[in-house]
Amino acid sequence: ISQVYMMFRATLANDDFRPGDESLEVRLFDE
């Protein structure tokens, strides 16, 4: 499909998150 994904580990700055326009739901998961 002629794509290259570059994925970064990152730390959430705080617990302030919620669905944006492109998301129905967002949540934290453990394995």
PDB file of all heavy atoms in Angstrom:
ATOM      1  N   ILE A   1       0.830  -1.209   0.000  1.00  0.00           N
ATOM      2  CA  ILE A   1       0.000   0.000   0.000  1.00  0.00           C
ATOM      3  C   ILE A   1       0.866   1.261   0.000  1.00  0.00           C
ATOM      4  O   ILE A   1       0.364   2.359   0.181  1.00  0.00           O
ATOM      5  CB  ILE A   1      -0.985   0.033   1.189  1.00  0.00           C
ATOM      6  CG1 ILE A   1      -0.247  -0.085   2.530  1.00  0.00           C
ATOM      7  CG2 ILE A   1      -2.039  -1.054   1.046  1.00  0.00           C
ATOM      8  CD1 ILE A   1      -1.156   0.098   3.742  1.00  0.00           C
ATOM      9  N   SER A   2       2.168   1.086  -0.178  1.00  0.00           N
ATOM     10  CA  SER A   2       3.111   2.208  -0.303  1.00  0.00           C
ATOM     11  C   SER A   2       3.016   3.165   0.878  1.00  0.00           C
ATOM     12  O   SER A   2       2.903   4.386   0.718  1.00  0.00           O
ATOM     13  CB  SER A   2       2.875   2.967  -1.617  1.00  0.00           C
ATOM     14  OG  SER A   2       3.063   2.117  -2.726  1.00  0.00           O
ATOM     15  N   GLN A   3       3.084   2.594   2.086  1.00  0.00           N
ATOM     16  CA  GLN A   3       3.073   3.399   3.305  1.00  0.00           C
ATOM     17  C   GLN A   3       4.214   2.969   4.224  1.00  0.00           C
ATOM     18  O   GLN A   3       4.627   1.809   4.220  1.00  0.00           O
ATOM     19  CB  GLN A   3       1.741   3.264   4.051  1.00  0.00           C
ATOM     20  CG  GLN A   3       0.559   3.864   3.323  1.00  0.00           C
ATOM     21  CD  GLN A   3      -0.734   3.711   4.108  1.00  0.00           C
ATOM     22  OE1 GLN A   3      -0.748   3.237   5.234  1.00  0.00           O
ATOM     23  NE2 GLN A   3      -1.843   4.114   3.494  1.00  0.00           N
ATOM     24  N   VAL A   4       4.699   3.919   5.003  1.00  0.00           N
ATOM     25  CA  VAL A   4       5.700   3.657   6.036  1.00  0.00           C
ATOM     26  C   VAL A   4       5.179   4.237   7.341  1.00  0.00           C
ATOM     27  O   VAL A   4       4.880   5.439   7.418  1.00  0.00           O
ATOM     28  CB  VAL A   4       7.066   4.290   5.692  1.00  0.00           C
ATOM     29  CG1 VAL A   4       8.058   4.023   6.819  1.00  0.00           C
ATOM     30  CG2 VAL A   4       7.595   3.751   4.371  1.00  0.00           C
ATOM     31  N   TYR A   5       5.029   3.392   8.345  1.00  0.00           N
ATOM     32  CA  TYR A   5       4.587   3.831   9.673  1.00  0.00           C
ATOM     33  C   TYR A   5       5.800   4.098  10.553  1.00  0.00           C
ATOM     34  O   TYR A   5       6.703   3.259  10.645  1.00  0.00           O
ATOM     35  CB  TYR A   5       3.723   2.756  10.336  1.00  0.00           C
ATOM     36  CG  TYR A   5       2.269   2.802   9.953  1.00  0.00           C
ATOM     37  CD1 TYR A   5       1.848   2.418   8.680  1.00  0.00           C
ATOM     38  CD2 TYR A   5       1.296   3.224  10.865  1.00  0.00           C
ATOM     39  CE1 TYR A   5       0.512   2.448   8.325  1.00  0.00           C
ATOM     40  CE2 TYR A   5      -0.043   3.269  10.518  1.00  0.00           C
ATOM     41  CZ  TYR A   5      -0.431   2.878   9.254  1.00  0.00           C
ATOM     42  OH  TYR A   5      -1.755   2.919   8.903  1.00  0.00           O
ATOM     43  N   MET A   6       5.795   5.236  11.216  1.00  0.00           N
ATOM     44  CA  MET A   6       6.817   5.577  12.192  1.00  0.00           C
ATOM     45  C   MET A   6       6.116   5.773  13.527  1.00  0.00           C
ATOM     46  O   MET A   6       5.373   6.748  13.718  1.00  0.00           O
ATOM     47  CB  MET A   6       7.585   6.822  11.766  1.00  0.00           C
ATOM     48  CG  MET A   6       8.275   6.658  10.417  1.00  0.00           C
ATOM     49  SD  MET A   6       9.338   8.052   9.974  1.00  0.00           S
ATOM     50  CE  MET A   6      10.675   7.856  11.168  1.00  0.00           C
ATOM     51  N   MET A   7       6.310   4.818  14.436  1.00  0.00           N
ATOM     52  CA  MET A   7       5.603   4.802  15.709  1.00  0.00           C
ATOM     53  C   MET A   7       6.543   5.195  16.842  1.00  0.00           C
ATOM     54  O   MET A   7       7.657   4.672  16.952  1.00  0.00           O
ATOM     55  CB  MET A   7       5.014   3.413  15.967  1.00  0.00           C
ATOM     56  CG  MET A   7       4.024   2.944  14.900  1.00  0.00           C
ATOM     57  SD  MET A   7       2.572   4.025  14.749  1.00  0.00           S
ATOM     58  CE  MET A   7       1.820   3.825  16.370  1.00  0.00           C
ATOM     59  N   PHE A   8       6.079   6.109  17.680  1.00  0.00           N
ATOM     60  CA  PHE A   8       6.877   6.656  18.773  1.00  0.00           C
ATOM     61  C   PHE A   8       6.294   6.238  20.124  1.00  0.00           C
ATOM     62  O   PHE A   8       5.082   6.358  20.337  1.00  0.00           O
ATOM     63  CB  PHE A   8       6.903   8.187  18.708  1.00  0.00           C
ATOM     64  CG  PHE A   8       7.646   8.753  17.538  1.00  0.00           C
ATOM     65  CD1 PHE A   8       7.053   8.838  16.287  1.00  0.00           C
ATOM     66  CD2 PHE A   8       8.956   9.206  17.685  1.00  0.00           C
ATOM     67  CE1 PHE A   8       7.736   9.368  15.201  1.00  0.00           C
ATOM     68  CE2 PHE A   8       9.646   9.743  16.611  1.00  0.00           C
ATOM     69  CZ  PHE A   8       9.039   9.813  15.361  1.00  0.00           C
ATOM     70  N   ARG A   9       7.157   5.760  21.012  1.00  0.00           N
ATOM     71  CA  ARG A   9       6.749   5.672  22.405  1.00  0.00           C
ATOM     72  C   ARG A   9       6.603   7.093  22.941  1.00  0.00           C
ATOM     73  O   ARG A   9       7.382   7.979  22.597  1.00  0.00           O
ATOM     74  CB  ARG A   9       7.792   4.926  23.233  1.00  0.00           C
ATOM     75  CG  ARG A   9       7.862   3.433  22.998  1.00  0.00           C
ATOM     76  CD  ARG A   9       8.880   2.805  23.942  1.00  0.00           C
ATOM     77  NE  ARG A   9       8.478   2.935  25.341  1.00  0.00           N
ATOM     78  CZ  ARG A   9       9.318   2.880  26.371  1.00  0.00           C
ATOM     79  NH1 ARG A   9      10.619   2.717  26.173  1.00  0.00           N
ATOM     80  NH2 ARG A   9       8.860   2.991  27.609  1.00  0.00           N
ATOM     81  N   ALA A  10       5.616   7.297  23.787  1.00  0.00           N
ATOM     82  CA  ALA A  10       5.392   8.632  24.349  1.00  0.00           C
ATOM     83  C   ALA A  10       4.691   8.504  25.686  1.00  0.00           C
ATOM     84  O   ALA A  10       3.999   7.520  25.957  1.00  0.00           O
ATOM     85  CB  ALA A  10       4.560   9.486  23.387  1.00  0.00           C
ATOM     86  N   THR A  11       4.857   9.520  26.514  1.00  0.00           N
ATOM     87  CA  THR A  11       4.219   9.557  27.827  1.00  0.00           C
ATOM     88  C   THR A  11       3.060  10.543  27.791  1.00  0.00           C
ATOM     89  O   THR A  11       3.210  11.675  27.317  1.00  0.00           O
ATOM     90  CB  THR A  11       5.231  10.001  28.900  1.00  0.00           C
ATOM     91  OG1 THR A  11       6.351   9.121  28.886  1.00  0.00           O
ATOM     92  CG2 THR A  11       4.586   9.980  30.278  1.00  0.00           C
ATOM     93  N   LEU A  12       1.905  10.110  28.279  1.00  0.00           N
ATOM     94  CA  LEU A  12       0.787  11.038  28.410  1.00  0.00           C
ATOM     95  C   LEU A  12       1.140  12.093  29.457  1.00  0.00           C
ATOM     96  O   LEU A  12       1.562  11.769  30.564  1.00  0.00           O
ATOM     97  CB  LEU A  12      -0.478  10.301  28.821  1.00  0.00           C
ATOM     98  CG  LEU A  12      -1.216   9.523  27.728  1.00  0.00           C
ATOM     99  CD1 LEU A  12      -2.341   8.699  28.346  1.00  0.00           C
ATOM    100  CD2 LEU A  12      -1.771  10.460  26.672  1.00  0.00           C
ATOM    101  N   ALA A  13       0.956  13.347  29.103  1.00  0.00           N
ATOM    102  CA  ALA A  13       1.343  14.426  30.005  1.00  0.00           C
ATOM    103  C   ALA A  13       0.448  14.494  31.244  1.00  0.00           C
ATOM    104  O   ALA A  13       0.882  14.920  32.313  1.00  0.00           O
ATOM    105  CB  ALA A  13       1.299  15.763  29.269  1.00  0.00           C
ATOM    106  N   ASN A  14      -0.806  14.027  31.094  1.00  0.00           N
ATOM    107  CA  ASN A  14      -1.757  14.039  32.207  1.00  0.00           C
ATOM    108  C   ASN A  14      -2.905  13.099  31.875  1.00  0.00           C
ATOM    109  O   ASN A  14      -2.874  12.394  30.870  1.00  0.00           O
ATOM    110  CB  ASN A  14      -2.252  15.470  32.475  1.00  0.00           C
ATOM    111  CG  ASN A  14      -2.738  16.146  31.205  1.00  0.00           C
ATOM    112  OD1 ASN A  14      -3.546  15.601  30.463  1.00  0.00           O
ATOM    113  ND2 ASN A  14      -2.205  17.349  30.936  1.00  0.00           N
ATOM    114  N   ASP A  15      -3.916  13.097  32.708  1.00  0.00           N
ATOM    115  CA  ASP A  15      -5.080  12.227  32.500  1.00  0.00           C
ATOM    116  C   ASP A  15      -6.190  12.906  31.711  1.00  0.00           C
ATOM    117  O   ASP A  15      -7.315  12.401  31.659  1.00  0.00           O
ATOM    118  CB  ASP A  15      -5.634  11.769  33.851  1.00  0.00           C
ATOM    119  CG  ASP A  15      -4.706  10.795  34.557  1.00  0.00           C
ATOM    120  OD1 ASP A  15      -4.068   9.985  33.868  1.00  0.00           O
ATOM    121  OD2 ASP A  15      -4.617  10.857  35.800  1.00  0.00           O
ATOM    122  N   ASP A  16      -5.882  14.008  31.087  1.00  0.00           N
ATOM    123  CA  ASP A  16      -6.878  14.757  30.325  1.00  0.00           C
ATOM    124  C   ASP A  16      -6.901  14.246  28.887  1.00  0.00           C
ATOM    125  O   ASP A  16      -6.094  14.663  28.061  1.00  0.00           O
ATOM    126  CB  ASP A  16      -6.556  16.255  30.366  1.00  0.00           C
ATOM    127  CG  ASP A  16      -7.611  17.095  29.650  1.00  0.00           C
ATOM    128  OD1 ASP A  16      -8.708  16.552  29.378  1.00  0.00           O
ATOM    129  OD2 ASP A  16      -7.338  18.274  29.363  1.00  0.00           O
ATOM    130  N   PHE A  17      -7.798  13.331  28.595  1.00  0.00           N
ATOM    131  CA  PHE A  17      -7.987  12.852  27.219  1.00  0.00           C
ATOM    132  C   PHE A  17      -9.457  12.529  27.016  1.00  0.00           C
ATOM    133  O   PHE A  17     -10.196  12.222  27.952  1.00  0.00           O
ATOM    134  CB  PHE A  17      -7.103  11.633  26.925  1.00  0.00           C
ATOM    135  CG  PHE A  17      -7.284  10.479  27.873  1.00  0.00           C
ATOM    136  CD1 PHE A  17      -8.312   9.561  27.702  1.00  0.00           C
ATOM    137  CD2 PHE A  17      -6.419  10.300  28.945  1.00  0.00           C
ATOM    138  CE1 PHE A  17      -8.492   8.499  28.577  1.00  0.00           C
ATOM    139  CE2 PHE A  17      -6.578   9.235  29.824  1.00  0.00           C
ATOM    140  CZ  PHE A  17      -7.619   8.338  29.640  1.00  0.00           C
ATOM    141  N   ARG A  18      -9.882  12.613  25.748  1.00  0.00           N
ATOM    142  CA  ARG A  18     -11.276  12.353  25.388  1.00  0.00           C
ATOM    143  C   ARG A  18     -11.336  12.143  23.877  1.00  0.00           C
ATOM    144  O   ARG A  18     -10.384  12.490  23.166  1.00  0.00           O
ATOM    145  CB  ARG A  18     -12.165  13.524  25.801  1.00  0.00           C
ATOM    146  CG  ARG A  18     -11.802  14.839  25.160  1.00  0.00           C
ATOM    147  CD  ARG A  18     -12.534  16.024  25.784  1.00  0.00           C
ATOM    148  NE  ARG A  18     -12.186  17.286  25.142  1.00  0.00           N
ATOM    149  CZ  ARG A  18     -11.092  17.987  25.423  1.00  0.00           C
ATOM    150  NH1 ARG A  18     -10.237  17.555  26.338  1.00  0.00           N
ATOM    151  NH2 ARG A  18     -10.841  19.128  24.791  1.00  0.00           N
ATOM    152  N   PRO A  19     -12.426  11.602  23.365  1.00  0.00           N
ATOM    153  CA  PRO A  19     -12.495  11.349  21.918  1.00  0.00           C
ATOM    154  C   PRO A  19     -12.425  12.636  21.103  1.00  0.00           C
ATOM    155  O   PRO A  19     -13.118  13.612  21.406  1.00  0.00           O
ATOM    156  CB  PRO A  19     -13.862  10.667  21.749  1.00  0.00           C
ATOM    157  CG  PRO A  19     -14.194  10.118  23.088  1.00  0.00           C
ATOM    158  CD  PRO A  19     -13.596  11.076  24.075  1.00  0.00           C
ATOM    159  N   GLY A  20     -11.585  12.623  20.083  1.00  0.00           N
ATOM    160  CA  GLY A  20     -11.584  13.701  19.104  1.00  0.00           C
ATOM    161  C   GLY A  20     -12.612  13.422  18.026  1.00  0.00           C
ATOM    162  O   GLY A  20     -13.391  12.461  18.110  1.00  0.00           O
ATOM    163  N   ASP A  21     -12.613  14.237  16.978  1.00  0.00           N
ATOM    164  CA  ASP A  21     -13.617  14.103  15.915  1.00  0.00           C
ATOM    165  C   ASP A  21     -13.523  12.768  15.189  1.00  0.00           C
ATOM    166  O   ASP A  21     -14.523  12.302  14.638  1.00  0.00           O
ATOM    167  CB  ASP A  21     -13.464  15.242  14.900  1.00  0.00           C
ATOM    168  CG  ASP A  21     -13.854  16.595  15.476  1.00  0.00           C
ATOM    169  OD1 ASP A  21     -14.573  16.616  16.492  1.00  0.00           O
ATOM    170  OD2 ASP A  21     -13.420  17.622  14.915  1.00  0.00           O
ATOM    171  N   GLU A  22     -12.338  12.144  15.178  1.00  0.00           N
ATOM    172  CA  GLU A  22     -12.164  10.898  14.436  1.00  0.00           C
ATOM    173  C   GLU A  22     -12.301   9.664  15.317  1.00  0.00           C
ATOM    174  O   GLU A  22     -12.055   8.549  14.856  1.00  0.00           O
ATOM    175  CB  GLU A  22     -10.792  10.896  13.751  1.00  0.00           C
ATOM    176  CG  GLU A  22     -10.627  12.006  12.719  1.00  0.00           C
ATOM    177  CD  GLU A  22      -9.270  11.973  12.041  1.00  0.00           C
ATOM    178  OE1 GLU A  22      -8.468  11.069  12.361  1.00  0.00           O
ATOM    179  OE2 GLU A  22      -9.010  12.845  11.200  1.00  0.00           O
ATOM    180  N   SER A  23     -12.700   9.845  16.576  1.00  0.00           N
ATOM    181  CA  SER A  23     -12.775   8.723  17.518  1.00  0.00           C
ATOM    182  C   SER A  23     -14.152   8.641  18.163  1.00  0.00           C
ATOM    183  O   SER A  23     -14.763   9.664  18.495  1.00  0.00           O
ATOM    184  CB  SER A  23     -11.712   8.861  18.607  1.00  0.00           C
ATOM    185  OG  SER A  23     -10.404   8.882  18.056  1.00  0.00           O
ATOM    186  N   LEU A  24     -14.616   7.408  18.350  1.00  0.00           N
ATOM    187  CA  LEU A  24     -15.855   7.167  19.081  1.00  0.00           C
ATOM    188  C   LEU A  24     -15.600   7.081  20.574  1.00  0.00           C
ATOM    189  O   LEU A  24     -16.462   7.441  21.382  1.00  0.00           O
ATOM    190  CB  LEU A  24     -16.494   5.847  18.606  1.00  0.00           C
ATOM    191  CG  LEU A  24     -16.936   5.766  17.156  1.00  0.00           C
ATOM    192  CD1 LEU A  24     -17.306   4.333  16.808  1.00  0.00           C
ATOM    193  CD2 LEU A  24     -18.114   6.697  16.911  1.00  0.00           C
ATOM    194  N   GLU A  25     -14.415   6.591  20.919  1.00  0.00           N
ATOM    195  CA  GLU A  25     -14.086   6.316  22.312  1.00  0.00           C
ATOM    196  C   GLU A  25     -12.577   6.260  22.449  1.00  0.00           C
ATOM    197  O   GLU A  25     -11.882   5.827  21.521  1.00  0.00           O
ATOM    198  CB  GLU A  25     -14.708   4.968  22.706  1.00  0.00           C
ATOM    199  CG  GLU A  25     -14.467   4.503  24.108  1.00  0.00           C
ATOM    200  CD  GLU A  25     -15.063   3.124  24.371  1.00  0.00           C
ATOM    201  OE1 GLU A  25     -15.684   2.552  23.441  1.00  0.00           O
ATOM    202  OE2 GLU A  25     -14.893   2.617  25.505  1.00  0.00           O
ATOM    203  N   VAL A  26     -12.051   6.689  23.565  1.00  0.00           N
ATOM    204  CA  VAL A  26     -10.629   6.516  23.881  1.00  0.00           C
ATOM    205  C   VAL A  26     -10.515   6.035  25.316  1.00  0.00           C
ATOM    206  O   VAL A  26     -11.290   6.476  26.181  1.00  0.00           O
ATOM    207  CB  VAL A  26      -9.812   7.821  23.679  1.00  0.00           C
ATOM    208  CG1 VAL A  26      -9.795   8.242  22.224  1.00  0.00           C
ATOM    209  CG2 VAL A  26     -10.350   8.951  24.538  1.00  0.00           C
ATOM    210  N   ARG A  27      -9.565   5.119  25.558  1.00  0.00           N
ATOM    211  CA  ARG A  27      -9.397   4.634  26.922  1.00  0.00           C
ATOM    212  C   ARG A  27      -8.029   3.992  27.070  1.00  0.00           C
ATOM    213  O   ARG A  27      -7.354   3.656  26.083  1.00  0.00           O
ATOM    214  CB  ARG A  27     -10.474   3.646  27.319  1.00  0.00           C
ATOM    215  CG  ARG A  27     -10.629   2.434  26.416  1.00  0.00           C
ATOM    216  CD  ARG A  27     -11.410   1.322  27.069  1.00  0.00           C
ATOM    217  NE  ARG A  27     -10.639   0.699  28.154  1.00  0.00           N
ATOM    218  CZ  ARG A  27     -10.923  -0.504  28.648  1.00  0.00           C
ATOM    219  NH1 ARG A  27     -11.969  -1.188  28.209  1.00  0.00           N
ATOM    220  NH2 ARG A  27     -10.182  -1.019  29.601  1.00  0.00           N
ATOM    221  N   LEU A  28      -7.621   3.832  28.323  1.00  0.00           N
ATOM    222  CA  LEU A  28      -6.357   3.188  28.645  1.00  0.00           C
ATOM    223  C   LEU A  28      -6.563   1.686  28.798  1.00  0.00           C
ATOM    224  O   LEU A  28      -7.565   1.235  29.362  1.00  0.00           O
ATOM    225  CB  LEU A  28      -5.782   3.770  29.938  1.00  0.00           C
ATOM    226  CG  LEU A  28      -5.302   5.220  29.876  1.00  0.00           C
ATOM    227  CD1 LEU A  28      -5.057   5.754  31.286  1.00  0.00           C
ATOM    228  CD2 LEU A  28      -4.029   5.330  29.034  1.00  0.00           C
ATOM    229  N   PHE A  29      -5.593   0.915  28.287  1.00  0.00           N
ATOM    230  CA  PHE A  29      -5.635  -0.538  28.356  1.00  0.00           C
ATOM    231  C   PHE A  29      -4.330  -1.065  28.939  1.00  0.00           C
ATOM    232  O   PHE A  29      -3.251  -0.563  28.601  1.00  0.00           O
ATOM    233  CB  PHE A  29      -5.787  -1.162  26.962  1.00  0.00           C
ATOM    234  CG  PHE A  29      -7.097  -0.898  26.282  1.00  0.00           C
ATOM    235  CD1 PHE A  29      -7.293   0.258  25.542  1.00  0.00           C
ATOM    236  CD2 PHE A  29      -8.134  -1.827  26.346  1.00  0.00           C
ATOM    237  CE1 PHE A  29      -8.497   0.492  24.886  1.00  0.00           C
ATOM    238  CE2 PHE A  29      -9.332  -1.604  25.695  1.00  0.00           C
ATOM    239  CZ  PHE A  29      -9.521  -0.439  24.968  1.00  0.00           C
ATOM    240  N   ASP A  30      -4.425  -2.106  29.784  1.00  0.00           N
ATOM    241  CA  ASP A  30      -3.217  -2.883  30.043  1.00  0.00           C
ATOM    242  C   ASP A  30      -3.225  -4.071  29.087  1.00  0.00           C
ATOM    243  O   ASP A  30      -4.183  -4.264  28.322  1.00  0.00           O
ATOM    244  CB  ASP A  30      -3.113  -3.308  31.513  1.00  0.00           C
ATOM    245  CG  ASP A  30      -4.254  -4.190  31.978  1.00  0.00           C
ATOM    246  OD1 ASP A  30      -4.834  -4.930  31.152  1.00  0.00           O
ATOM    247  OD2 ASP A  30      -4.571  -4.154  33.185  1.00  0.00           O
ATOM    248  N   GLU A  31      -2.189  -4.878  29.109  1.00  0.00           N
ATOM    249  CA  GLU A  31      -2.049  -5.934  28.100  1.00  0.00           C
ATOM    250  C   GLU A  31      -3.232  -6.903  28.120  1.00  0.00           C
ATOM    251  O   GLU A  31      -3.710  -7.334  27.066  1.00  0.00           O
ATOM    252  CB  GLU A  31      -0.744  -6.701  28.314  1.00  0.00           C
ATOM    253  CG  GLU A  31      -0.503  -7.775  27.265  1.00  0.00           C
ATOM    254  CD  GLU A  31       0.827  -8.479  27.418  1.00  0.00           C
ATOM    255  OE1 GLU A  31       1.544  -8.211  28.416  1.00  0.00           O
ATOM    256  OE2 GLU A  31       1.167  -9.304  26.541  1.00  0.00           O
TER     257      GLU A  31
END
